[in-house]
């Protein structure tokens, strides 16, 4: 019975709409300093994850050279586009920019792993500092899916600021 209840919760939880996700995420992001920290750290963390995943090559498929970032971003695309077509598309455009930057850095022979790990650690220190100031734990400690919501939440503010519906 317990397993069934957990599965039911999982199914119900995944059916949240974008406003429900944003409302719940926003509960631990009220402090202006914490919000400002997120404007810098969330995009950096997103880039770092994409960059690190892009270093892991997948077997060639139909002559395409793919990496784990492609696979993870495909999953993220389904998650984002299900919640909001407009926000999903712009977030995937940002993801594509991150992937392009990572691949460009690799092509230039830059130490992508070292750079991404360093930025990743620094950005997470910033995130936890922001949440310390907020006095609330990061949302992803409650539900790991919130790691995907952070970038979308920021894009939502941009859309509202320029008057675009999401």
Protein backbone atom coordinates (compact mmCIF):
# COMPACT_ATOMS: atom_id res chain seq x y z
CA UNK A 1 0.00 0.00 0.00
CA UNK A 2 2.79 2.40 0.85
CA UNK A 3 4.45 1.95 -2.55
CA UNK A 4 1.13 2.65 -4.22
CA UNK A 5 0.70 5.86 -2.23
CA UNK A 6 4.21 6.99 -3.18
CA UNK A 7 3.48 6.28 -6.84
CA UNK A 8 0.19 8.17 -6.61
CA UNK A 9 2.00 11.15 -5.08
CA UNK A 10 4.60 11.02 -7.83
CA UNK A 11 1.92 11.08 -10.52
CA UNK A 12 -0.02 13.89 -8.86
CA UNK A 13 3.16 15.91 -8.20
CA UNK A 14 4.21 15.68 -11.84
CA UNK A 15 0.92 17.13 -12.97
CA UNK A 16 1.60 20.54 -11.44
CA UNK A 17 1.15 23.43 -13.82
CA UNK A 18 3.71 26.19 -14.27
CA UNK A 19 2.02 28.54 -11.81
CA UNK A 20 1.97 25.88 -9.09
CA UNK A 21 5.68 25.17 -9.64
CA UNK A 22 6.52 28.88 -9.56
CA UNK A 23 4.41 29.51 -6.46
CA UNK A 24 6.03 26.67 -4.55
CA UNK A 25 9.52 27.61 -5.76
CA UNK A 26 8.89 31.25 -4.89
CA UNK A 27 8.14 30.39 -1.25
CA UNK A 28 11.87 30.02 -0.56
CA UNK A 29 12.90 32.90 -2.82
CA UNK A 30 11.38 36.03 -1.26
CA UNK A 31 14.49 37.81 0.00
CA UNK A 32 15.84 40.36 -2.54
CA UNK A 33 19.46 39.31 -1.93
CA UNK A 34 18.63 35.64 -2.44
CA UNK A 35 16.75 36.52 -5.64
CA UNK A 36 19.72 38.53 -6.92
CA UNK A 37 22.09 35.66 -6.14
CA UNK A 38 19.83 33.36 -8.15
CA UNK A 39 20.00 35.66 -11.18
CA UNK A 40 23.74 35.04 -11.32
CA UNK A 41 24.14 31.55 -9.91
CA UNK A 42 21.28 29.64 -11.60
CA UNK A 43 22.46 30.40 -15.17
CA UNK A 44 26.07 29.61 -14.18
CA UNK A 45 25.05 26.28 -12.64
CA UNK A 46 22.94 25.48 -15.68
CA UNK A 47 25.88 26.22 -17.98
CA UNK A 48 28.24 24.14 -15.84
CA UNK A 49 25.95 21.11 -15.88
CA UNK A 50 25.58 21.35 -19.65
CA UNK A 51 29.34 21.83 -20.06
CA UNK A 52 30.22 18.86 -17.86
CA UNK A 53 27.67 16.62 -19.55
CA UNK A 54 28.94 17.69 -22.97
CA UNK A 55 32.32 16.18 -22.11
CA UNK A 56 30.77 12.70 -21.96
CA UNK A 57 30.42 11.37 -25.49
CA UNK A 58 27.72 8.95 -26.56
CA UNK A 59 28.24 6.37 -29.30
CA UNK A 60 27.73 7.85 -32.76
CA UNK A 61 24.12 7.52 -33.91
CA UNK A 62 23.34 7.84 -37.62
CA UNK A 63 26.62 9.71 -38.05
CA UNK A 64 25.74 12.24 -35.34
CA UNK A 65 28.29 12.97 -32.63
CA UNK A 66 26.16 13.24 -29.53
CA UNK A 67 27.03 13.68 -25.87
CA UNK A 68 25.19 13.30 -22.59
CA UNK A 69 24.18 16.97 -22.65
CA UNK A 70 22.08 16.27 -25.74
CA UNK A 71 20.31 13.40 -23.98
CA UNK A 72 19.67 15.33 -20.75
CA UNK A 73 18.49 18.41 -22.63
CA UNK A 74 16.07 16.24 -24.59
CA UNK A 75 14.56 15.11 -21.28
CA UNK A 76 14.50 18.71 -20.04
CA UNK A 77 12.79 19.78 -23.27
CA UNK A 78 9.85 17.46 -22.59
CA UNK A 79 9.60 18.72 -19.01
CA UNK A 80 9.80 22.41 -20.00
CA UNK A 81 7.57 22.29 -23.05
CA UNK A 82 4.88 20.40 -21.13
CA UNK A 83 4.77 23.26 -18.61
CA UNK A 84 4.96 26.19 -21.02
CA UNK A 85 5.62 26.26 -24.73
CA UNK A 86 7.00 29.83 -24.71
CA UNK A 87 9.14 29.45 -21.58
CA UNK A 88 10.26 26.02 -22.69
CA UNK A 89 11.40 27.27 -26.08
CA UNK A 90 13.36 30.22 -24.68
CA UNK A 91 14.93 28.06 -21.98
CA UNK A 92 15.97 25.52 -24.61
CA UNK A 93 17.44 28.37 -26.64
CA UNK A 94 19.52 29.27 -23.57
CA UNK A 95 20.45 25.59 -23.18
CA UNK A 96 21.58 25.52 -26.82
CA UNK A 97 23.70 28.60 -26.20
CA UNK A 98 25.28 26.87 -23.19
CA UNK A 99 25.99 23.77 -25.26
CA UNK A 100 27.45 25.84 -28.09
CA UNK A 101 29.68 27.75 -25.65
CA UNK A 102 30.90 24.52 -24.08
CA UNK A 103 31.64 22.96 -27.47
CA UNK A 104 33.41 26.15 -28.58
CA UNK A 105 35.52 26.14 -25.43
CA UNK A 106 36.41 22.50 -26.07
CA UNK A 107 37.33 23.34 -29.66
CA UNK A 108 39.63 26.09 -28.44
CA UNK A 109 41.36 23.63 -26.13
CA UNK A 110 40.22 25.35 -22.95
CA UNK A 111 40.06 23.24 -19.78
CA UNK A 112 36.27 22.95 -19.79
CA UNK A 113 36.17 20.43 -16.94
CA UNK A 114 38.27 22.61 -14.63
CA UNK A 115 36.41 25.80 -15.52
CA UNK A 116 32.98 24.19 -15.16
CA UNK A 117 33.79 22.51 -11.84
CA UNK A 118 35.24 25.73 -10.42
CA UNK A 119 32.26 27.82 -11.50
CA UNK A 120 29.84 25.13 -10.34
CA UNK A 121 31.32 25.07 -6.83
CA UNK A 122 31.43 28.88 -6.62
CA UNK A 123 27.83 29.20 -7.83
CA UNK A 124 26.55 26.62 -5.34
CA UNK A 125 28.36 28.41 -2.54
CA UNK A 126 26.52 31.52 -3.69
CA UNK A 127 23.20 29.68 -3.79
CA UNK A 128 23.57 28.31 -0.27
CA UNK A 129 24.68 31.73 0.98
CA UNK A 130 21.56 33.26 -0.58
CA UNK A 131 19.36 30.66 1.07
CA UNK A 132 21.14 31.23 4.37
CA UNK A 133 20.19 34.90 4.10
CA UNK A 134 16.65 33.87 3.10
CA UNK A 135 16.47 31.57 6.11
CA UNK A 136 14.92 28.78 4.03
CA UNK A 137 16.32 25.63 2.50
CA UNK A 138 16.70 25.38 -1.29
CA UNK A 139 13.57 23.98 -2.95
CA UNK A 140 15.40 21.08 -4.55
CA UNK A 141 15.95 19.56 -1.11
CA UNK A 142 12.18 19.00 -1.05
CA UNK A 143 11.85 17.87 -4.68
CA UNK A 144 14.77 17.40 -7.05
CA UNK A 145 12.60 18.56 -9.96
CA UNK A 146 13.07 22.09 -8.64
CA UNK A 147 16.57 21.98 -10.14
CA UNK A 148 14.80 22.20 -13.50
CA UNK A 149 12.36 24.88 -12.30
CA UNK A 150 15.01 27.47 -11.30
CA UNK A 151 15.97 28.46 -14.87
CA UNK A 152 12.32 28.49 -15.94
CA UNK A 153 11.40 30.66 -12.93
CA UNK A 154 13.97 33.27 -13.98
CA UNK A 155 12.73 33.21 -17.58
CA UNK A 156 9.21 33.73 -16.21
CA UNK A 157 10.33 37.02 -14.62
CA UNK A 158 11.83 38.14 -17.93
CA UNK A 159 8.62 37.30 -19.76
CA UNK A 160 6.49 39.17 -17.22
CA UNK A 161 8.84 42.15 -17.36
CA UNK A 162 8.47 42.52 -21.13
CA UNK A 163 4.78 41.64 -21.17
CA UNK A 164 4.94 38.22 -22.84
CA UNK A 165 2.49 35.54 -21.69
CA UNK A 166 3.90 32.19 -20.82
